[in-house]
Structure formats: C-alpha cells, structure tokens
PDB file of all heavy atoms in Angstrom:
ATOM      1  N   GLN A   1     -90.247 162.105  17.901  1.00  0.00           N
ATOM      2  CA  GLN A   1     -91.630 161.680  17.791  1.00  0.00           C
ATOM      3  C   GLN A   1     -92.515 162.793  18.343  1.00  0.00           C
ATOM      4  O   GLN A   1     -92.112 163.529  19.257  1.00  0.00           O
ATOM      5  CB  GLN A   1     -91.880 160.377  18.550  1.00  0.00           C
ATOM      6  CG  GLN A   1     -93.185 159.689  18.200  1.00  0.00           C
ATOM      7  CD  GLN A   1     -93.268 158.277  18.757  1.00  0.00           C
ATOM      8  OE1 GLN A   1     -92.389 157.826  19.494  1.00  0.00           O
ATOM      9  NE2 GLN A   1     -94.332 157.559  18.409  1.00  0.00           N
ATOM     10  N   GLU A   2     -93.719 162.937  17.801  1.00  0.00           N
ATOM     11  CA  GLU A   2     -94.628 163.961  18.287  1.00  0.00           C
ATOM     12  C   GLU A   2     -95.217 163.563  19.631  1.00  0.00           C
ATOM     13  O   GLU A   2     -95.498 162.380  19.894  1.00  0.00           O
ATOM     14  CB  GLU A   2     -95.753 164.206  17.287  1.00  0.00           C
ATOM     15  CG  GLU A   2     -96.634 165.393  17.670  1.00  0.00           C
ATOM     16  CD  GLU A   2     -97.677 165.749  16.631  1.00  0.00           C
ATOM     17  OE1 GLU A   2     -97.706 165.080  15.565  1.00  0.00           O
ATOM     18  OE2 GLU A   2     -98.466 166.686  16.878  1.00  0.00           O
ATOM     19  N   TYR A   3     -95.409 164.564  20.507  1.00  0.00           N
ATOM     20  CA  TYR A   3     -96.019 164.338  21.817  1.00  0.00           C
ATOM     21  C   TYR A   3     -97.384 165.011  21.855  1.00  0.00           C
ATOM     22  O   TYR A   3     -97.521 166.200  21.514  1.00  0.00           O
ATOM     23  CB  TYR A   3     -95.134 164.901  22.929  1.00  0.00           C
ATOM     24  CG  TYR A   3     -95.731 164.738  24.305  1.00  0.00           C
ATOM     25  CD1 TYR A   3     -95.753 163.482  24.919  1.00  0.00           C
ATOM     26  CD2 TYR A   3     -96.279 165.813  24.983  1.00  0.00           C
ATOM     27  CE1 TYR A   3     -96.305 163.313  26.176  1.00  0.00           C
ATOM     28  CE2 TYR A   3     -96.839 165.661  26.244  1.00  0.00           C
ATOM     29  CZ  TYR A   3     -96.851 164.402  26.836  1.00  0.00           C
ATOM     30  OH  TYR A   3     -97.405 164.244  28.091  1.00  0.00           O
ATOM     31  N   ASP A   4     -98.398 164.245  22.255  1.00  0.00           N
ATOM     32  CA  ASP A   4     -99.760 164.758  22.399  1.00  0.00           C
ATOM     33  C   ASP A   4     -99.985 165.110  23.861  1.00  0.00           C
ATOM     34  O   ASP A   4    -100.110 164.215  24.706  1.00  0.00           O
ATOM     35  CB  ASP A   4    -100.763 163.697  21.952  1.00  0.00           C
ATOM     36  CG  ASP A   4    -102.209 164.190  22.009  1.00  0.00           C
ATOM     37  OD1 ASP A   4    -102.486 165.169  22.737  1.00  0.00           O
ATOM     38  OD2 ASP A   4    -103.066 163.579  21.346  1.00  0.00           O
ATOM     39  N   PRO A   5    -100.051 166.412  24.199  1.00  0.00           N
ATOM     40  CA  PRO A   5    -100.175 166.783  25.610  1.00  0.00           C
ATOM     41  C   PRO A   5    -101.538 166.454  26.204  1.00  0.00           C
ATOM     42  O   PRO A   5    -101.662 166.332  27.425  1.00  0.00           O
ATOM     43  CB  PRO A   5     -99.926 168.298  25.593  1.00  0.00           C
ATOM     44  CG  PRO A   5    -100.301 168.736  24.218  1.00  0.00           C
ATOM     45  CD  PRO A   5     -99.959 167.592  23.323  1.00  0.00           C
ATOM     46  N   VAL A   6    -102.560 166.324  25.372  1.00  0.00           N
ATOM     47  CA  VAL A   6    -103.891 165.978  25.879  1.00  0.00           C
ATOM     48  C   VAL A   6    -103.947 164.494  26.235  1.00  0.00           C
ATOM     49  O   VAL A   6    -104.387 164.108  27.326  1.00  0.00           O
ATOM     50  CB  VAL A   6    -104.975 166.337  24.848  1.00  0.00           C
ATOM     51  CG1 VAL A   6    -106.349 165.900  25.347  1.00  0.00           C
ATOM     52  CG2 VAL A   6    -104.961 167.832  24.562  1.00  0.00           C
ATOM     53  N   ALA A   7    -103.467 163.666  25.325  1.00  0.00           N
ATOM     54  CA  ALA A   7    -103.440 162.226  25.582  1.00  0.00           C
ATOM     55  C   ALA A   7    -102.324 161.840  26.539  1.00  0.00           C
ATOM     56  O   ALA A   7    -102.370 160.773  27.155  1.00  0.00           O
ATOM     57  CB  ALA A   7    -103.305 161.468  24.264  1.00  0.00           C
ATOM     58  N   GLY A   8    -101.304 162.693  26.647  1.00  0.00           N
ATOM     59  CA  GLY A   8    -100.176 162.392  27.513  1.00  0.00           C
ATOM     60  C   GLY A   8     -99.333 161.239  27.010  1.00  0.00           C
ATOM     61  O   GLY A   8     -98.851 160.420  27.799  1.00  0.00           O
ATOM     62  N   ARG A   9     -99.133 161.188  25.684  1.00  0.00           N
ATOM     63  CA  ARG A   9     -98.321 160.107  25.122  1.00  0.00           C
ATOM     64  C   ARG A   9     -97.764 160.524  23.765  1.00  0.00           C
ATOM     65  O   ARG A   9     -98.186 161.513  23.163  1.00  0.00           O
ATOM     66  CB  ARG A   9     -99.145 158.834  24.968  1.00  0.00           C
ATOM     67  CG  ARG A   9    -100.312 158.954  24.005  1.00  0.00           C
ATOM     68  CD  ARG A   9    -101.125 157.671  23.961  1.00  0.00           C
ATOM     69  NE  ARG A   9    -102.255 157.769  23.046  1.00  0.00           N
ATOM     70  CZ  ARG A   9    -102.185 157.488  21.745  1.00  0.00           C
ATOM     71  NH1 ARG A   9    -101.026 157.098  21.197  1.00  0.00           N
ATOM     72  NH2 ARG A   9    -103.251 157.588  20.979  1.00  0.00           N
ATOM     73  N   LEU A  10     -96.805 159.736  23.296  1.00  0.00           N
ATOM     74  CA  LEU A  10     -96.232 159.944  21.977  1.00  0.00           C
ATOM     75  C   LEU A  10     -97.174 159.404  20.912  1.00  0.00           C
ATOM     76  O   LEU A  10     -97.827 158.371  21.109  1.00  0.00           O
ATOM     77  CB  LEU A  10     -94.877 159.251  21.876  1.00  0.00           C
ATOM     78  CG  LEU A  10     -93.798 159.767  22.840  1.00  0.00           C
ATOM     79  CD1 LEU A  10     -92.561 158.875  22.786  1.00  0.00           C
ATOM     80  CD2 LEU A  10     -93.423 161.204  22.508  1.00  0.00           C
ATOM     81  N   ILE A  11     -97.224 160.097  19.775  1.00  0.00           N
ATOM     82  CA  ILE A  11     -98.107 159.689  18.686  1.00  0.00           C
ATOM     83  C   ILE A  11     -97.350 159.775  17.362  1.00  0.00           C
ATOM     84  O   ILE A  11     -96.324 160.440  17.254  1.00  0.00           O
ATOM     85  CB  ILE A  11     -99.374 160.578  18.614  1.00  0.00           C
ATOM     86  CG1 ILE A  11     -98.981 162.046  18.397  1.00  0.00           C
ATOM     87  CG2 ILE A  11    -100.219 160.424  19.880  1.00  0.00           C
ATOM     88  CD1 ILE A  11    -100.177 162.970  18.125  1.00  0.00           C
ATOM     89  N   GLY A  12     -97.888 159.113  16.356  1.00  0.00           N
ATOM     90  CA  GLY A  12     -97.352 159.247  15.005  1.00  0.00           C
ATOM     91  C   GLY A  12     -96.022 158.544  14.814  1.00  0.00           C
ATOM     92  O   GLY A  12     -95.558 157.770  15.661  1.00  0.00           O
ATOM     93  N   PRO A  13     -95.383 158.821  13.662  1.00  0.00           N
ATOM     94  CA  PRO A  13     -94.139 158.119  13.314  1.00  0.00           C
ATOM     95  C   PRO A  13     -92.988 158.480  14.241  1.00  0.00           C
ATOM     96  O   PRO A  13     -92.977 159.525  14.888  1.00  0.00           O
ATOM     97  CB  PRO A  13     -93.857 158.581  11.886  1.00  0.00           C
ATOM     98  CG  PRO A  13     -94.583 159.885  11.754  1.00  0.00           C
ATOM     99  CD  PRO A  13     -95.797 159.760  12.613  1.00  0.00           C
ATOM    100  N   TYR A  14     -92.037 157.579  14.238  1.00  0.00           N
ATOM    101  CA  TYR A  14     -90.857 157.658  15.107  1.00  0.00           C
ATOM    102  C   TYR A  14     -89.648 157.510  14.196  1.00  0.00           C
ATOM    103  O   TYR A  14     -89.605 156.614  13.352  1.00  0.00           O
ATOM    104  CB  TYR A  14     -90.977 156.514  16.107  1.00  0.00           C
ATOM    105  CG  TYR A  14     -89.747 156.062  16.837  1.00  0.00           C
ATOM    106  CD1 TYR A  14     -89.484 156.513  18.119  1.00  0.00           C
ATOM    107  CD2 TYR A  14     -88.885 155.111  16.292  1.00  0.00           C
ATOM    108  CE1 TYR A  14     -88.403 156.047  18.839  1.00  0.00           C
ATOM    109  CE2 TYR A  14     -87.788 154.648  16.995  1.00  0.00           C
ATOM    110  CZ  TYR A  14     -87.554 155.114  18.261  1.00  0.00           C
ATOM    111  OH  TYR A  14     -86.477 154.650  18.974  1.00  0.00           O
ATOM    112  N   LYS A  15     -88.665 158.445  14.327  1.00  0.00           N
ATOM    113  CA  LYS A  15     -87.566 158.412  13.370  1.00  0.00           C
ATOM    114  C   LYS A  15     -86.256 158.808  14.030  1.00  0.00           C
ATOM    115  O   LYS A  15     -86.213 159.724  14.859  1.00  0.00           O
ATOM    116  CB  LYS A  15     -87.840 159.371  12.207  1.00  0.00           C
ATOM    117  CG  LYS A  15     -86.774 159.365  11.114  1.00  0.00           C
ATOM    118  CD  LYS A  15     -87.085 160.355  10.010  1.00  0.00           C
ATOM    119  CE  LYS A  15     -85.996 160.365   8.940  1.00  0.00           C
ATOM    120  NZ  LYS A  15     -86.266 161.365   7.877  1.00  0.00           N
ATOM    121  N   ASN A  16     -85.200 158.127  13.613  1.00  0.00           N
ATOM    122  CA  ASN A  16     -83.844 158.528  13.988  1.00  0.00           C
ATOM    123  C   ASN A  16     -83.439 159.655  13.039  1.00  0.00           C
ATOM    124  O   ASN A  16     -83.272 159.446  11.842  1.00  0.00           O
ATOM    125  CB  ASN A  16     -82.886 157.346  13.855  1.00  0.00           C
ATOM    126  CG  ASN A  16     -81.509 157.652  14.420  1.00  0.00           C
ATOM    127  OD1 ASN A  16     -81.044 158.787  14.385  1.00  0.00           O
ATOM    128  ND2 ASN A  16     -80.846 156.630  14.933  1.00  0.00           N
ATOM    129  N   ILE A  17     -83.294 160.868  13.606  1.00  0.00           N
ATOM    130  CA  ILE A  17     -83.067 162.037  12.742  1.00  0.00           C
ATOM    131  C   ILE A  17     -81.600 162.454  12.662  1.00  0.00           C
ATOM    132  O   ILE A  17     -81.244 163.281  11.821  1.00  0.00           O
ATOM    133  CB  ILE A  17     -83.903 163.241  13.211  1.00  0.00           C
ATOM    134  CG1 ILE A  17     -83.551 163.645  14.645  1.00  0.00           C
ATOM    135  CG2 ILE A  17     -85.396 162.951  13.067  1.00  0.00           C
ATOM    136  CD1 ILE A  17     -84.175 164.962  15.088  1.00  0.00           C
ATOM    137  N   PHE A  18     -80.734 161.883  13.527  1.00  0.00           N
ATOM    138  CA  PHE A  18     -79.344 162.330  13.522  1.00  0.00           C
ATOM    139  C   PHE A  18     -78.482 161.257  14.167  1.00  0.00           C
ATOM    140  O   PHE A  18     -78.716 160.867  15.311  1.00  0.00           O
ATOM    141  CB  PHE A  18     -79.219 163.647  14.301  1.00  0.00           C
ATOM    142  CG  PHE A  18     -77.848 164.268  14.263  1.00  0.00           C
ATOM    143  CD1 PHE A  18     -77.292 164.717  13.073  1.00  0.00           C
ATOM    144  CD2 PHE A  18     -77.112 164.434  15.436  1.00  0.00           C
ATOM    145  CE1 PHE A  18     -76.030 165.304  13.045  1.00  0.00           C
ATOM    146  CE2 PHE A  18     -75.864 165.019  15.422  1.00  0.00           C
ATOM    147  CZ  PHE A  18     -75.311 165.460  14.217  1.00  0.00           C
ATOM    148  N   ASN A  19     -77.493 160.795  13.403  1.00  0.00           N
ATOM    149  CA  ASN A  19     -76.605 159.748  13.914  1.00  0.00           C
ATOM    150  C   ASN A  19     -75.348 160.297  14.573  1.00  0.00           C
ATOM    151  O   ASN A  19     -74.557 159.530  15.125  1.00  0.00           O
ATOM    152  CB  ASN A  19     -76.211 158.790  12.783  1.00  0.00           C
ATOM    153  CG  ASN A  19     -77.358 157.882  12.399  1.00  0.00           C
ATOM    154  OD1 ASN A  19     -78.028 157.320  13.266  1.00  0.00           O
ATOM    155  ND2 ASN A  19     -77.603 157.744  11.102  1.00  0.00           N
ATOM    156  N   GLY A  20     -75.142 161.614  14.501  1.00  0.00           N
ATOM    157  CA  GLY A  20     -73.962 162.183  15.117  1.00  0.00           C
ATOM    158  C   GLY A  20     -72.737 162.074  14.245  1.00  0.00           C
ATOM    159  O   GLY A  20     -72.796 161.688  13.072  1.00  0.00           O
ATOM    160  N   THR A  21     -71.590 162.421  14.819  1.00  0.00           N
ATOM    161  CA  THR A  21     -70.317 162.411  14.099  1.00  0.00           C
ATOM    162  C   THR A  21     -69.463 161.243  14.574  1.00  0.00           C
ATOM    163  O   THR A  21     -69.870 160.448  15.417  1.00  0.00           O
ATOM    164  CB  THR A  21     -69.562 163.732  14.346  1.00  0.00           C
ATOM    165  OG1 THR A  21     -69.045 163.735  15.691  1.00  0.00           O
ATOM    166  CG2 THR A  21     -70.473 164.930  14.157  1.00  0.00           C
ATOM    167  N   SER A  22     -68.267 161.187  14.046  1.00  0.00           N
ATOM    168  CA  SER A  22     -67.353 160.104  14.421  1.00  0.00           C
ATOM    169  C   SER A  22     -66.931 160.172  15.877  1.00  0.00           C
ATOM    170  O   SER A  22     -66.407 159.201  16.421  1.00  0.00           O
ATOM    171  CB  SER A  22     -66.105 160.145  13.523  1.00  0.00           C
ATOM    172  OG  SER A  22     -65.442 161.403  13.658  1.00  0.00           O
ATOM    173  N   ARG A  23     -67.155 161.309  16.530  1.00  0.00           N
ATOM    174  CA  ARG A  23     -66.806 161.414  17.944  1.00  0.00           C
ATOM    175  C   ARG A  23     -67.671 160.504  18.800  1.00  0.00           C
ATOM    176  O   ARG A  23     -67.258 160.038  19.852  1.00  0.00           O
ATOM    177  CB  ARG A  23     -66.902 162.866  18.403  1.00  0.00           C
ATOM    178  CG  ARG A  23     -66.328 163.108  19.776  1.00  0.00           C
ATOM    179  CD  ARG A  23     -66.058 164.570  20.040  1.00  0.00           C
ATOM    180  NE  ARG A  23     -64.959 165.097  19.247  1.00  0.00           N
ATOM    181  CZ  ARG A  23     -64.289 166.211  19.521  1.00  0.00           C
ATOM    182  NH1 ARG A  23     -64.595 166.912  20.601  1.00  0.00           N
ATOM    183  NH2 ARG A  23     -63.316 166.631  18.736  1.00  0.00           N
ATOM    184  N   GLY A  24     -68.898 160.248  18.357  1.00  0.00           N
ATOM    185  CA  GLY A  24     -69.755 159.271  19.008  1.00  0.00           C
ATOM    186  C   GLY A  24     -70.390 159.760  20.299  1.00  0.00           C
ATOM    187  O   GLY A  24     -70.236 160.903  20.710  1.00  0.00           O
ATOM    188  N   ILE A  25     -71.126 158.843  20.937  1.00  0.00           N
ATOM    189  CA  ILE A  25     -71.863 159.097  22.182  1.00  0.00           C
ATOM    190  C   ILE A  25     -72.712 160.362  22.007  1.00  0.00           C
ATOM    191  O   ILE A  25     -72.623 161.324  22.763  1.00  0.00           O
ATOM    192  CB  ILE A  25     -70.937 159.186  23.411  1.00  0.00           C
ATOM    193  CG1 ILE A  25     -69.917 158.043  23.397  1.00  0.00           C
ATOM    194  CG2 ILE A  25     -71.745 159.153  24.710  1.00  0.00           C
ATOM    195  CD1 ILE A  25     -69.003 158.015  24.603  1.00  0.00           C
ATOM    196  N   THR A  26     -73.547 160.339  20.978  1.00  0.00           N
ATOM    197  CA  THR A  26     -74.399 161.485  20.653  1.00  0.00           C
ATOM    198  C   THR A  26     -75.595 161.505  21.596  1.00  0.00           C
ATOM    199  O   THR A  26     -76.353 160.536  21.673  1.00  0.00           O
ATOM    200  CB  THR A  26     -74.864 161.399  19.193  1.00  0.00           C
ATOM    201  OG1 THR A  26     -73.710 161.259  18.346  1.00  0.00           O
ATOM    202  CG2 THR A  26     -75.637 162.634  18.799  1.00  0.00           C
ATOM    203  N   GLU A  27     -75.781 162.621  22.309  1.00  0.00           N
ATOM    204  CA  GLU A  27     -76.798 162.695  23.355  1.00  0.00           C
ATOM    205  C   GLU A  27     -77.167 164.166  23.572  1.00  0.00           C
ATOM    206  O   GLU A  27     -76.776 165.040  22.809  1.00  0.00           O
ATOM    207  CB  GLU A  27     -76.253 162.081  24.658  1.00  0.00           C
ATOM    208  CG  GLU A  27     -74.953 162.716  25.123  1.00  0.00           C
ATOM    209  CD  GLU A  27     -74.288 161.981  26.267  1.00  0.00           C
ATOM    210  OE1 GLU A  27     -74.918 161.104  26.871  1.00  0.00           O
ATOM    211  OE2 GLU A  27     -73.130 162.302  26.577  1.00  0.00           O
ATOM    212  N   GLY A  28     -77.950 164.435  24.619  1.00  0.00           N
ATOM    213  CA  GLY A  28     -78.275 165.804  25.016  1.00  0.00           C
ATOM    214  C   GLY A  28     -78.900 166.660  23.947  1.00  0.00           C
ATOM    215  O   GLY A  28     -78.508 167.813  23.767  1.00  0.00           O
ATOM    216  N   PRO A  29     -79.920 166.171  23.205  1.00  0.00           N
ATOM    217  CA  PRO A  29     -80.448 166.951  22.076  1.00  0.00           C
ATOM    218  C   PRO A  29     -81.356 168.099  22.513  1.00  0.00           C
ATOM    219  O   PRO A  29     -82.131 167.989  23.461  1.00  0.00           O
ATOM    220  CB  PRO A  29     -81.252 165.910  21.292  1.00  0.00           C
ATOM    221  CG  PRO A  29     -81.743 164.962  22.358  1.00  0.00           C
ATOM    222  CD  PRO A  29     -80.610 164.872  23.357  1.00  0.00           C
ATOM    223  N   HIS A  30     -81.252 169.213  21.791  1.00  0.00           N
ATOM    224  CA  HIS A  30     -82.197 170.326  21.895  1.00  0.00           C
ATOM    225  C   HIS A  30     -82.477 170.823  20.487  1.00  0.00           C
ATOM    226  O   HIS A  30     -81.555 170.961  19.671  1.00  0.00           O
ATOM    227  CB  HIS A  30     -81.629 171.478  22.720  1.00  0.00           C
ATOM    228  CG  HIS A  30     -81.422 171.155  24.164  1.00  0.00           C
ATOM    229  ND1 HIS A  30     -82.460 171.038  25.060  1.00  0.00           N
ATOM    230  CD2 HIS A  30     -80.283 170.918  24.861  1.00  0.00           C
ATOM    231  CE1 HIS A  30     -81.978 170.748  26.260  1.00  0.00           C
ATOM    232  NE2 HIS A  30     -80.660 170.670  26.165  1.00  0.00           N
ATOM    233  N   ILE A  31     -83.765 171.114  20.198  1.00  0.00           N
ATOM    234  CA  ILE A  31     -84.165 171.636  18.893  1.00  0.00           C
ATOM    235  C   ILE A  31     -84.588 173.098  19.043  1.00  0.00           C
ATOM    236  O   ILE A  31     -85.251 173.473  20.020  1.00  0.00           O
ATOM    237  CB  ILE A  31     -85.320 170.812  18.288  1.00  0.00           C
ATOM    238  CG1 ILE A  31     -84.828 169.392  17.936  1.00  0.00           C
ATOM    239  CG2 ILE A  31     -85.888 171.479  17.039  1.00  0.00           C
ATOM    240  CD1 ILE A  31     -85.919 168.498  17.375  1.00  0.00           C
ATOM    241  N   TYR A  32     -84.207 173.930  18.056  1.00  0.00           N
ATOM    242  CA  TYR A  32     -84.579 175.351  17.990  1.00  0.00           C
ATOM    243  C   TYR A  32     -85.049 175.654  16.566  1.00  0.00           C
ATOM    244  O   TYR A  32     -84.687 174.944  15.624  1.00  0.00           O
ATOM    245  CB  TYR A  32     -83.391 176.255  18.331  1.00  0.00           C
ATOM    246  CG  TYR A  32     -82.568 175.784  19.506  1.00  0.00           C
ATOM    247  CD1 TYR A  32     -81.496 174.920  19.315  1.00  0.00           C
ATOM    248  CD2 TYR A  32     -82.881 176.178  20.800  1.00  0.00           C
ATOM    249  CE1 TYR A  32     -80.743 174.472  20.380  1.00  0.00           C
ATOM    250  CE2 TYR A  32     -82.139 175.731  21.878  1.00  0.00           C
ATOM    251  CZ  TYR A  32     -81.071 174.870  21.662  1.00  0.00           C
ATOM    252  OH  TYR A  32     -80.332 174.415  22.722  1.00  0.00           O
ATOM    253  N   LYS A  33     -85.816 176.741  16.417  1.00  0.00           N
ATOM    254  CA  LYS A  33     -86.268 177.136  15.087  1.00  0.00           C
ATOM    255  C   LYS A  33     -85.916 178.596  14.874  1.00  0.00           C
ATOM    256  O   LYS A  33     -86.182 179.449  15.735  1.00  0.00           O
ATOM    257  CB  LYS A  33     -87.776 176.930  14.958  1.00  0.00           C
ATOM    258  CG  LYS A  33     -88.292 177.013  13.523  1.00  0.00           C
ATOM    259  CD  LYS A  33     -89.769 176.633  13.477  1.00  0.00           C
ATOM    260  CE  LYS A  33     -90.284 176.585  12.042  1.00  0.00           C
ATOM    261  NZ  LYS A  33     -91.730 176.211  12.007  1.00  0.00           N
TER     262      LYS A  33
END
C-alpha cells in the first residue's frame, strides 16, 4: 500500500502482491528497482 509521509498514513488501494512458494511462512519483504 502507498504511504503518505505528509499525512503520516497509508493511502490508496491495498493488495496482496505475493503469496510465496510451497515452503510457506512468507515474510521479511524488501522491494528494489
């Protein structure tokens, strides 16, 4: 979800973008470009 640093809150749509693999317990996400 997008974060608005001025308002100090989450804004806009919210989506599950990755369900992980069969190994499960998917956590610790980091995004890079």
